[in-house]
Amino acid sequence: MEKRIVVSNAIHNNIYVAAPNRVGKEDATNGSGYMTFYGTSFVADPWGEIVSDAQTIEDEIILAEIDLHEKSTFLLFSIPIVFHIT
């Protein structure tokens, strides 16, 4: 997974995005080897900042605090059409 693509989706859609991924290897279903998963799960905010991210070495749980009031205030005063509707 390419972080820049996921982060750009968060910015473009003005939303928080959680991008999960696991760590380790798994046998391929057709018996032709295995697939490797590299972890690096993360959460990006609507401004493109990584709020929380995981490592690639072992399984871990990440938490991210999301301030929905901050996001709604941002939307209200930064997008003219939303300002005129309310």
Protein backbone atom coordinates (compact mmCIF):
# COMPACT_ATOMS: atom_id res chain seq x y z
CA MET A 1 0.00 0.00 0.00
CA GLU A 2 1.35 3.40 -0.91
CA LYS A 3 0.95 5.88 1.94
CA ARG A 4 0.89 8.90 -0.36
CA ILE A 5 -2.20 7.60 -2.17
CA VAL A 6 -4.13 6.99 1.04
CA VAL A 7 -3.08 10.35 2.49
CA SER A 8 -4.13 12.11 -0.72
CA ASN A 9 -7.55 10.46 -0.42
CA ALA A 10 -7.87 11.81 3.12
CA ILE A 11 -7.04 15.32 1.89
CA HIS A 12 -9.19 15.13 -1.24
CA ASN A 13 -12.27 13.83 0.59
CA ASN A 14 -11.61 15.88 3.75
CA ILE A 15 -11.93 12.82 6.01
CA TYR A 16 -9.92 10.74 8.43
CA VAL A 17 -8.65 7.52 6.84
CA ALA A 18 -7.56 4.36 8.67
CA ALA A 19 -5.33 2.13 6.54
CA PRO A 20 -4.87 -1.28 8.21
CA ASN A 21 -2.36 -3.92 7.17
CA ARG A 22 -1.05 -7.04 8.87
CA VAL A 23 2.46 -8.34 9.48
CA GLY A 24 3.91 -11.72 8.50
CA LYS A 25 3.77 -14.37 5.81
CA GLU A 26 0.90 -16.48 4.52
CA ASP A 27 0.97 -19.45 2.15
CA ALA A 28 -0.49 -18.69 -1.27
CA THR A 29 -3.79 -20.44 -1.98
CA ASN A 30 -2.46 -22.02 -5.18
CA GLY A 31 0.61 -23.47 -3.43
CA SER A 32 3.07 -21.36 -5.39
CA GLY A 33 4.84 -19.83 -2.43
CA TYR A 34 3.81 -17.24 0.09
CA MET A 35 2.71 -13.64 0.44
CA THR A 36 4.48 -11.23 2.78
CA PHE A 37 2.63 -8.49 4.66
CA TYR A 38 4.70 -5.58 5.91
CA GLY A 39 2.38 -3.85 8.38
CA THR A 40 2.75 -0.07 8.56
CA SER A 41 -0.92 0.51 9.37
CA PHE A 42 -1.69 4.19 9.91
CA VAL A 43 -4.36 6.83 10.38
CA ALA A 44 -4.29 10.07 8.35
CA ASP A 45 -6.28 13.22 9.11
CA PRO A 46 -8.08 15.48 6.58
CA TRP A 47 -5.01 17.74 6.40
CA GLY A 48 -2.68 14.92 5.33
CA GLU A 49 -0.89 14.43 8.64
CA ILE A 50 -0.22 10.91 9.92
CA VAL A 51 -2.01 10.83 13.30
CA SER A 52 -0.82 7.36 14.29
CA ASP A 53 1.25 4.65 12.62
CA ALA A 54 2.49 1.13 13.26
CA GLN A 55 5.87 -0.55 12.77
CA THR A 56 6.77 -3.31 10.33
CA ILE A 57 8.41 -5.70 12.79
CA GLU A 58 5.55 -7.19 14.82
CA ASP A 59 1.80 -7.03 15.38
CA GLU A 60 0.59 -4.00 17.27
CA ILE A 61 -2.54 -1.99 17.89
CA ILE A 62 -2.55 1.71 17.14
CA LEU A 63 -4.97 4.30 18.50
CA ALA A 64 -5.76 7.73 17.10
CA GLU A 65 -7.72 10.48 18.79
CA ILE A 66 -10.08 12.18 16.33
CA ASP A 67 -11.55 15.59 17.13
CA LEU A 68 -14.78 15.75 15.12
CA HIS A 69 -15.62 19.22 16.42
CA GLU A 70 -12.38 20.58 14.98
CA LYS A 71 -13.22 19.04 11.60
CA SER A 72 -16.76 20.45 11.52
CA THR A 73 -15.49 23.93 12.43
CA PHE A 74 -12.90 23.66 9.67
CA LEU A 75 -15.59 22.73 7.15
CA LEU A 76 -17.94 25.46 8.29
CA PHE A 77 -15.46 28.29 7.80
CA SER A 78 -13.30 27.04 4.94
CA ILE A 79 -15.83 25.98 2.31
CA PRO A 80 -18.04 28.91 1.19
CA ILE A 81 -21.02 26.81 0.12
CA VAL A 82 -21.27 25.15 3.53
CA PHE A 83 -21.08 28.57 5.23
CA HIS A 84 -24.07 29.86 3.24
CA ILE A 85 -26.22 26.75 3.79
CA THR A 86 -26.09 26.93 7.58
